[in-house]
N, C-alpha and C. Protein backbone atom coordinates (compact mmCIF):
# COMPACT_ATOMS: atom_id res chain seq x y z
N MET A 1 11.68 -26.95 -15.39
CA MET A 1 11.12 -26.11 -16.11
C MET A 1 10.95 -24.80 -15.73
N LYS A 2 11.38 -23.94 -16.33
CA LYS A 2 11.59 -22.34 -15.78
C LYS A 2 10.66 -21.44 -16.31
N LYS A 3 9.89 -20.81 -15.41
CA LYS A 3 8.89 -19.91 -15.66
C LYS A 3 9.57 -18.57 -15.51
N ALA A 4 9.01 -17.59 -16.38
CA ALA A 4 9.21 -16.29 -16.30
C ALA A 4 8.44 -15.55 -15.14
N ILE A 5 8.99 -14.45 -14.64
CA ILE A 5 8.18 -13.66 -13.72
C ILE A 5 7.97 -12.18 -13.93
N ILE A 6 6.88 -11.77 -13.98
CA ILE A 6 6.71 -10.53 -14.31
C ILE A 6 6.52 -9.74 -12.98
N THR A 7 7.24 -8.60 -13.04
CA THR A 7 7.14 -7.62 -11.76
C THR A 7 6.67 -6.33 -12.18
N ALA A 8 6.12 -5.51 -11.34
CA ALA A 8 5.79 -4.04 -11.75
C ALA A 8 6.08 -3.00 -10.56
N LEU A 9 5.72 -2.12 -10.86
CA LEU A 9 6.13 -0.89 -10.11
C LEU A 9 5.15 0.11 -10.21
N PHE A 10 5.41 1.00 -9.39
CA PHE A 10 4.90 2.45 -9.11
C PHE A 10 5.23 3.32 -10.17
N ALA A 11 4.10 4.04 -10.39
CA ALA A 11 4.30 5.11 -11.14
C ALA A 11 4.70 6.53 -10.25
N VAL A 12 5.70 6.87 -10.44
CA VAL A 12 6.39 7.98 -9.39
C VAL A 12 5.85 9.51 -10.02
N PHE A 13 5.51 10.06 -8.71
CA PHE A 13 4.72 11.47 -9.09
C PHE A 13 5.95 12.35 -9.52
N ALA A 14 5.50 13.36 -10.43
CA ALA A 14 6.46 14.50 -10.94
C ALA A 14 7.27 15.06 -9.86
N VAL A 15 8.53 15.24 -10.10
CA VAL A 15 9.67 15.80 -9.32
C VAL A 15 9.42 17.33 -9.48
N LEU A 16 9.16 18.05 -8.26
CA LEU A 16 8.96 19.59 -8.62
C LEU A 16 9.91 20.33 -7.65
N THR A 17 10.22 21.63 -8.19
CA THR A 17 11.01 22.34 -7.31
C THR A 17 10.56 22.49 -5.78
N ALA A 18 11.53 22.37 -4.91
CA ALA A 18 10.94 22.32 -3.43
C ALA A 18 10.27 23.49 -3.13
N ASN A 19 10.67 24.76 -3.56
CA ASN A 19 10.12 25.84 -3.15
C ASN A 19 8.83 26.58 -4.11
N ALA A 20 8.64 25.84 -5.07
CA ALA A 20 7.40 25.98 -5.87
C ALA A 20 6.19 25.84 -5.22
N GLN A 21 5.14 26.73 -5.71
CA GLN A 21 3.95 26.86 -5.22
C GLN A 21 2.80 26.58 -6.08
N HIS A 22 1.71 25.93 -5.82
CA HIS A 22 0.40 25.71 -6.65
C HIS A 22 -0.14 27.19 -6.53
N ALA A 23 -1.09 27.20 -7.72
CA ALA A 23 -1.68 28.58 -7.81
C ALA A 23 -2.35 29.10 -6.52
N ASP A 24 -2.79 28.11 -5.79
CA ASP A 24 -3.82 28.52 -4.65
C ASP A 24 -2.63 28.84 -3.26
N GLY A 25 -1.35 28.80 -3.41
CA GLY A 25 -0.46 29.23 -2.63
C GLY A 25 -0.02 27.94 -1.63
N GLU A 26 -0.30 26.62 -2.00
CA GLU A 26 -0.02 25.72 -1.34
C GLU A 26 1.17 25.14 -1.77
N PRO A 27 2.22 24.61 -0.84
CA PRO A 27 3.61 24.30 -1.55
C PRO A 27 3.43 23.07 -2.10
N TYR A 28 4.53 22.70 -3.27
CA TYR A 28 4.47 21.21 -4.10
C TYR A 28 5.15 20.46 -3.10
N GLU A 29 4.69 19.34 -3.29
CA GLU A 29 5.20 18.19 -2.76
C GLU A 29 6.29 17.45 -3.47
N ILE A 30 7.36 16.93 -3.00
CA ILE A 30 8.23 16.07 -3.82
C ILE A 30 8.02 14.63 -3.09
N CYS A 31 7.65 13.91 -3.83
CA CYS A 31 7.32 12.40 -3.42
C CYS A 31 8.60 11.69 -3.03
N PRO A 32 8.76 10.71 -2.31
CA PRO A 32 9.78 9.76 -1.94
C PRO A 32 10.12 9.10 -3.35
N ARG A 33 11.39 8.63 -3.32
CA ARG A 33 12.09 7.92 -4.58
C ARG A 33 13.03 7.05 -4.33
N PHE A 34 12.82 5.73 -4.97
CA PHE A 34 13.97 4.70 -4.89
C PHE A 34 14.96 5.21 -5.43
N PRO A 35 16.47 4.96 -4.66
CA PRO A 35 17.36 5.63 -5.57
C PRO A 35 17.80 4.83 -6.77
N GLY A 36 17.93 5.87 -7.67
CA GLY A 36 18.04 5.44 -9.16
C GLY A 36 16.63 5.66 -9.86
N GLY A 37 15.47 5.67 -9.30
CA GLY A 37 14.23 6.09 -9.85
C GLY A 37 13.62 4.71 -10.13
N ASP A 38 12.59 4.94 -11.32
CA ASP A 38 11.84 4.09 -11.67
C ASP A 38 12.53 2.44 -12.22
N LYS A 39 13.52 2.58 -13.21
CA LYS A 39 13.97 1.63 -13.71
C LYS A 39 14.79 0.80 -12.40
N ALA A 40 15.35 1.45 -11.58
CA ALA A 40 16.22 0.86 -10.39
C ALA A 40 15.27 0.20 -9.60
N VAL A 41 14.00 0.44 -9.25
CA VAL A 41 13.13 -0.11 -8.39
C VAL A 41 12.61 -1.34 -9.07
N LEU A 42 12.58 -1.29 -10.43
CA LEU A 42 12.04 -2.42 -10.99
C LEU A 42 13.10 -3.49 -11.10
N GLU A 43 14.32 -3.15 -11.39
CA GLU A 43 15.45 -4.08 -11.36
C GLU A 43 15.60 -4.53 -10.01
N PHE A 44 15.68 -3.87 -8.86
CA PHE A 44 15.77 -4.42 -7.53
C PHE A 44 14.72 -5.34 -7.38
N ILE A 45 13.40 -5.12 -7.70
CA ILE A 45 12.23 -6.43 -7.40
C ILE A 45 12.43 -7.47 -8.38
N LYS A 46 12.91 -7.30 -9.75
CA LYS A 46 13.22 -8.42 -10.53
C LYS A 46 14.33 -9.16 -9.96
N ARG A 47 15.44 -8.60 -9.42
CA ARG A 47 16.59 -9.37 -8.82
C ARG A 47 16.35 -10.22 -7.70
N ASN A 48 15.50 -9.60 -6.80
CA ASN A 48 15.41 -10.09 -5.52
C ASN A 48 14.10 -10.98 -5.34
N MET A 49 13.31 -10.92 -6.38
CA MET A 49 12.04 -11.71 -6.39
C MET A 49 12.28 -13.34 -6.09
N ARG A 50 11.64 -13.77 -5.25
CA ARG A 50 11.72 -15.44 -5.32
C ARG A 50 10.35 -15.79 -5.30
N TYR A 51 9.82 -16.14 -6.31
CA TYR A 51 8.51 -16.59 -6.43
C TYR A 51 8.10 -17.76 -5.57
N PRO A 52 7.27 -17.96 -4.53
CA PRO A 52 7.06 -18.91 -3.95
C PRO A 52 6.74 -20.19 -4.55
N GLN A 53 7.59 -21.26 -4.59
CA GLN A 53 7.54 -22.37 -5.35
C GLN A 53 6.12 -23.01 -5.25
N ASN A 54 5.38 -23.14 -4.21
CA ASN A 54 4.32 -23.96 -4.20
C ASN A 54 3.18 -23.10 -4.97
N ALA A 55 3.37 -21.79 -4.83
CA ALA A 55 2.32 -20.82 -5.33
C ALA A 55 2.55 -20.75 -6.81
N LYS A 56 3.91 -21.03 -7.21
CA LYS A 56 4.25 -21.05 -8.88
C LYS A 56 3.66 -22.32 -9.11
N GLU A 57 3.83 -23.44 -8.66
CA GLU A 57 3.37 -24.76 -8.93
C GLU A 57 1.79 -24.62 -9.31
N GLU A 58 1.02 -23.93 -8.42
CA GLU A 58 -0.46 -23.79 -8.33
C GLU A 58 -0.88 -23.09 -9.32
N GLY A 59 0.07 -22.07 -9.89
CA GLY A 59 -0.23 -20.90 -10.68
C GLY A 59 -1.09 -19.78 -10.12
N VAL A 60 -0.62 -19.66 -8.96
CA VAL A 60 -1.18 -18.42 -8.07
C VAL A 60 -0.46 -17.12 -8.61
N GLU A 61 -1.27 -16.23 -8.93
CA GLU A 61 -0.82 -14.88 -9.40
C GLU A 61 -1.67 -13.75 -8.64
N GLY A 62 -1.17 -12.62 -8.88
CA GLY A 62 -1.80 -11.42 -8.20
C GLY A 62 -0.95 -10.24 -7.97
N ARG A 63 -1.69 -9.17 -7.46
CA ARG A 63 -1.12 -8.03 -7.24
C ARG A 63 -1.19 -7.65 -5.73
N VAL A 64 0.02 -7.47 -5.14
CA VAL A 64 0.15 -7.19 -3.87
C VAL A 64 0.67 -5.68 -3.64
N VAL A 65 0.01 -4.94 -2.93
CA VAL A 65 0.27 -3.54 -2.74
C VAL A 65 0.77 -3.37 -1.16
N VAL A 66 2.05 -2.70 -1.00
CA VAL A 66 2.47 -2.77 0.26
C VAL A 66 2.38 -1.36 0.49
N SER A 67 1.98 -0.85 1.74
CA SER A 67 2.18 0.55 1.92
C SER A 67 2.98 0.74 3.36
N PHE A 68 3.85 1.78 3.20
CA PHE A 68 4.81 1.94 4.06
C PHE A 68 5.08 3.35 4.28
N TYR A 69 6.11 4.00 5.28
CA TYR A 69 6.15 5.43 5.51
C TYR A 69 7.90 5.32 5.18
N VAL A 70 8.10 6.61 4.20
CA VAL A 70 9.35 6.65 3.89
C VAL A 70 9.80 7.80 4.89
N GLU A 71 10.65 7.58 6.06
CA GLU A 71 11.08 8.55 7.04
C GLU A 71 11.88 9.83 6.41
N THR A 72 12.19 10.51 7.31
CA THR A 72 13.12 11.74 6.78
C THR A 72 14.59 11.20 6.55
N ASP A 73 14.81 10.05 7.07
CA ASP A 73 16.38 9.46 6.87
C ASP A 73 16.42 8.63 5.74
N GLY A 74 15.07 8.50 5.13
CA GLY A 74 14.89 7.52 4.09
C GLY A 74 14.61 6.08 4.39
N SER A 75 14.54 5.83 5.61
CA SER A 75 14.40 4.41 6.11
C SER A 75 12.69 4.14 5.61
N LEU A 76 12.39 2.89 5.66
CA LEU A 76 10.99 2.33 5.40
C LEU A 76 10.41 1.74 6.79
N THR A 77 9.30 2.36 7.17
CA THR A 77 8.76 1.92 8.23
C THR A 77 7.42 1.52 8.13
N ASN A 78 6.64 0.81 9.24
CA ASN A 78 5.17 0.72 9.07
C ASN A 78 4.71 0.02 8.05
N LEU A 79 5.47 -1.16 7.49
CA LEU A 79 5.03 -1.75 6.52
C LEU A 79 3.84 -2.53 6.92
N SER A 80 2.64 -2.35 5.75
CA SER A 80 1.40 -3.42 5.89
C SER A 80 0.76 -3.33 4.60
N ILE A 81 0.06 -4.47 4.33
CA ILE A 81 -0.46 -4.95 3.08
C ILE A 81 -1.76 -4.22 2.69
N ALA A 82 -1.70 -3.24 1.79
CA ALA A 82 -2.67 -2.37 1.47
C ALA A 82 -3.47 -3.14 0.71
N LYS A 83 -3.06 -4.13 -0.17
CA LYS A 83 -3.99 -5.02 -1.03
C LYS A 83 -3.45 -6.22 -1.06
N SER A 84 -4.13 -7.30 -0.66
CA SER A 84 -3.58 -8.71 -0.51
C SER A 84 -3.88 -9.57 -1.93
N ALA A 85 -3.09 -10.42 -2.17
CA ALA A 85 -3.53 -11.45 -3.11
C ALA A 85 -3.58 -12.76 -2.57
N ASP A 86 -2.54 -13.43 -2.03
CA ASP A 86 -2.41 -14.59 -1.49
C ASP A 86 -1.38 -14.54 -0.49
N SER A 87 -1.65 -15.13 0.60
CA SER A 87 -0.74 -15.03 1.76
C SER A 87 0.69 -15.26 1.39
N ARG A 88 1.10 -16.33 0.59
CA ARG A 88 2.47 -16.52 -0.01
C ARG A 88 2.97 -15.53 -0.71
N LEU A 89 2.26 -14.70 -1.39
CA LEU A 89 2.60 -13.78 -2.30
C LEU A 89 2.76 -12.28 -1.38
N ASN A 90 1.98 -12.24 -0.47
CA ASN A 90 2.01 -11.08 0.43
C ASN A 90 3.43 -11.17 1.05
N LYS A 91 3.82 -12.32 1.59
CA LYS A 91 4.84 -12.48 2.55
C LYS A 91 6.26 -12.41 1.66
N GLU A 92 6.05 -12.65 0.49
CA GLU A 92 7.33 -12.43 -0.66
C GLU A 92 7.58 -10.94 -0.82
N ALA A 93 6.42 -10.13 -1.10
CA ALA A 93 6.32 -8.81 -1.47
C ALA A 93 6.73 -8.18 -0.17
N PHE A 94 6.30 -8.41 1.09
CA PHE A 94 7.00 -7.85 2.27
C PHE A 94 8.39 -7.98 2.33
N ARG A 95 8.96 -8.93 2.04
CA ARG A 95 10.33 -9.62 2.15
C ARG A 95 11.12 -8.52 1.39
N ILE A 96 10.79 -8.36 0.04
CA ILE A 96 11.37 -7.61 -0.83
C ILE A 96 11.46 -6.11 -0.61
N ILE A 97 10.37 -5.70 -0.07
CA ILE A 97 10.38 -4.35 0.37
C ILE A 97 11.12 -4.02 1.77
N LYS A 98 11.31 -4.94 2.68
CA LYS A 98 12.13 -4.91 3.75
C LYS A 98 13.66 -4.94 3.29
N LYS A 99 13.87 -5.49 2.30
CA LYS A 99 15.25 -5.79 1.88
C LYS A 99 15.86 -4.41 1.02
N MET A 100 14.86 -3.59 0.82
CA MET A 100 15.12 -2.38 -0.14
C MET A 100 16.36 -1.28 0.74
N PRO A 101 16.91 -0.65 -0.07
CA PRO A 101 17.83 0.36 0.75
C PRO A 101 17.23 1.57 0.90
N LYS A 102 17.68 2.40 1.55
CA LYS A 102 17.06 3.73 2.18
C LYS A 102 16.60 4.36 0.56
N TRP A 103 15.50 5.22 0.92
CA TRP A 103 14.90 5.97 -0.42
C TRP A 103 15.32 7.37 0.08
N GLU A 104 15.27 8.10 -1.03
CA GLU A 104 15.30 9.48 -1.11
C GLU A 104 14.19 9.99 -0.29
N PRO A 105 13.99 10.73 0.71
CA PRO A 105 12.94 11.09 1.29
C PRO A 105 12.05 12.12 0.50
N GLY A 106 10.66 12.24 1.01
CA GLY A 106 10.05 13.31 0.28
C GLY A 106 10.07 14.63 1.08
N GLN A 107 9.44 15.53 0.08
CA GLN A 107 9.71 16.99 0.58
C GLN A 107 8.22 17.86 0.51
N LEU A 108 7.91 18.78 1.53
CA LEU A 108 6.75 19.53 1.24
C LEU A 108 7.13 20.86 1.45
N GLY A 109 7.17 21.83 0.76
CA GLY A 109 7.22 23.18 0.88
C GLY A 109 8.71 23.24 1.22
N GLY A 110 9.70 22.69 0.52
CA GLY A 110 11.41 22.71 0.74
C GLY A 110 11.59 21.88 1.83
N LYS A 111 10.79 21.32 2.71
CA LYS A 111 11.21 20.68 3.98
C LYS A 111 11.02 19.17 3.80
N ILE A 112 12.04 18.28 4.33
CA ILE A 112 12.01 17.00 4.29
C ILE A 112 11.07 16.45 5.15
N VAL A 113 9.99 15.72 4.77
CA VAL A 113 8.96 15.01 5.84
C VAL A 113 8.68 13.56 5.60
N ARG A 114 8.19 13.00 6.33
CA ARG A 114 7.88 11.51 6.47
C ARG A 114 6.48 11.49 5.47
N MET A 115 6.48 10.69 4.63
CA MET A 115 5.33 10.35 3.66
C MET A 115 5.08 8.89 3.49
N LYS A 116 3.66 8.77 3.55
CA LYS A 116 3.05 7.46 3.20
C LYS A 116 3.51 7.13 1.70
N TYR A 117 3.54 5.78 1.28
CA TYR A 117 3.98 5.21 0.02
C TYR A 117 3.28 3.99 -0.27
N PHE A 118 2.88 3.88 -1.54
CA PHE A 118 2.30 2.40 -1.79
C PHE A 118 2.93 1.83 -2.99
N GLN A 119 3.50 0.61 -2.80
CA GLN A 119 4.39 0.08 -3.79
C GLN A 119 3.81 -1.31 -4.26
N PRO A 120 3.34 -1.50 -5.41
CA PRO A 120 2.50 -2.57 -5.94
C PRO A 120 3.66 -3.59 -6.52
N ILE A 121 3.54 -4.67 -6.13
CA ILE A 121 4.05 -5.72 -6.89
C ILE A 121 3.44 -6.81 -7.61
N ILE A 122 3.40 -6.97 -8.85
CA ILE A 122 2.82 -7.96 -9.59
C ILE A 122 3.31 -9.43 -9.72
N PHE A 123 2.86 -10.50 -9.27
CA PHE A 123 3.32 -11.86 -9.49
C PHE A 123 2.38 -12.44 -10.46
N ARG A 124 3.28 -12.89 -11.57
CA ARG A 124 2.64 -13.59 -12.61
C ARG A 124 3.24 -14.63 -13.12
N CYS A 125 2.91 -16.00 -13.23
CA CYS A 125 3.29 -17.01 -13.87
C CYS A 125 3.40 -17.04 -15.37
N LYS A 126 4.49 -17.42 -15.75
CA LYS A 126 4.43 -17.57 -17.55
C LYS A 126 5.00 -18.86 -17.73
N ASP A 127 4.67 -19.57 -18.92
CA ASP A 127 5.67 -20.57 -19.33
C ASP A 127 7.08 -20.28 -19.79
N SER A 128 7.82 -21.34 -19.93
CA SER A 128 9.11 -20.97 -20.24
C SER A 128 9.22 -20.32 -21.68
N THR A 129 8.29 -20.71 -22.66
CA THR A 129 8.46 -19.76 -24.03
C THR A 129 8.25 -18.45 -23.90
N ASN A 130 7.64 -17.83 -22.70
CA ASN A 130 7.25 -16.35 -22.88
C ASN A 130 8.54 -15.68 -22.07
N ASP A 131 8.81 -14.60 -22.55
CA ASP A 131 9.59 -13.51 -21.88
C ASP A 131 8.93 -12.89 -20.81
N SER A 132 9.60 -12.12 -19.71
CA SER A 132 8.74 -11.41 -19.06
C SER A 132 8.78 -10.14 -19.49
N THR A 133 7.64 -9.69 -19.06
CA THR A 133 7.46 -8.11 -19.61
C THR A 133 7.12 -7.29 -18.39
N MET A 134 7.34 -6.06 -18.53
CA MET A 134 6.98 -5.26 -17.24
C MET A 134 5.58 -4.56 -17.68
N VAL A 135 4.80 -4.38 -16.43
CA VAL A 135 3.50 -3.74 -16.46
C VAL A 135 3.52 -2.71 -15.46
N ILE A 136 3.29 -1.59 -15.85
CA ILE A 136 3.30 -0.47 -14.76
C ILE A 136 1.86 -0.07 -14.38
N PRO A 137 1.48 -0.54 -13.13
CA PRO A 137 0.17 -0.22 -12.57
C PRO A 137 -0.05 1.16 -12.43
N PRO A 138 -1.37 1.49 -12.05
CA PRO A 138 -1.69 2.93 -11.98
C PRO A 138 -1.09 3.55 -10.53
N ILE A 139 -1.00 4.86 -10.61
CA ILE A 139 -0.58 5.67 -9.29
C ILE A 139 -1.59 5.24 -8.24
N MET A 140 -0.89 5.12 -7.20
CA MET A 140 -1.62 4.77 -5.86
C MET A 140 -1.41 5.69 -4.80
N ARG A 141 -2.17 6.37 -4.27
CA ARG A 141 -1.77 7.34 -3.15
C ARG A 141 -2.81 7.41 -1.90
N ASP A 142 -2.32 7.77 -1.11
CA ASP A 142 -2.83 7.64 0.30
C ASP A 142 -3.92 8.96 0.11
């Protein structure tokens, strides 16, 4: 019996011109971005997720939020669980994030900088008669 998995992703902040400034003179920030954008990260999560079998059998569902830094070279460091669901789901969310390619780094005032990022991943069991659907969680920031 096959169960469908729903995964979700983050909402990305608006990409603005690197040298633009707010009315108060503060430089705009360009947030880190998964290569290919929103759809690409959703596809990456869907392709790489392996729902823990015992959690699936028990009907364990939840939202795990992994925080990490996107370094100036695009690598992901300092992974931690910002919101826990179940230890098995947490472990799988960590595995997925660790497997990600380098991201496009963030910028502040036209300079590439290290930025903290939050990536939600939703685990939901469905019976085989339902298709997977995408749920976009709210924006999460540090």
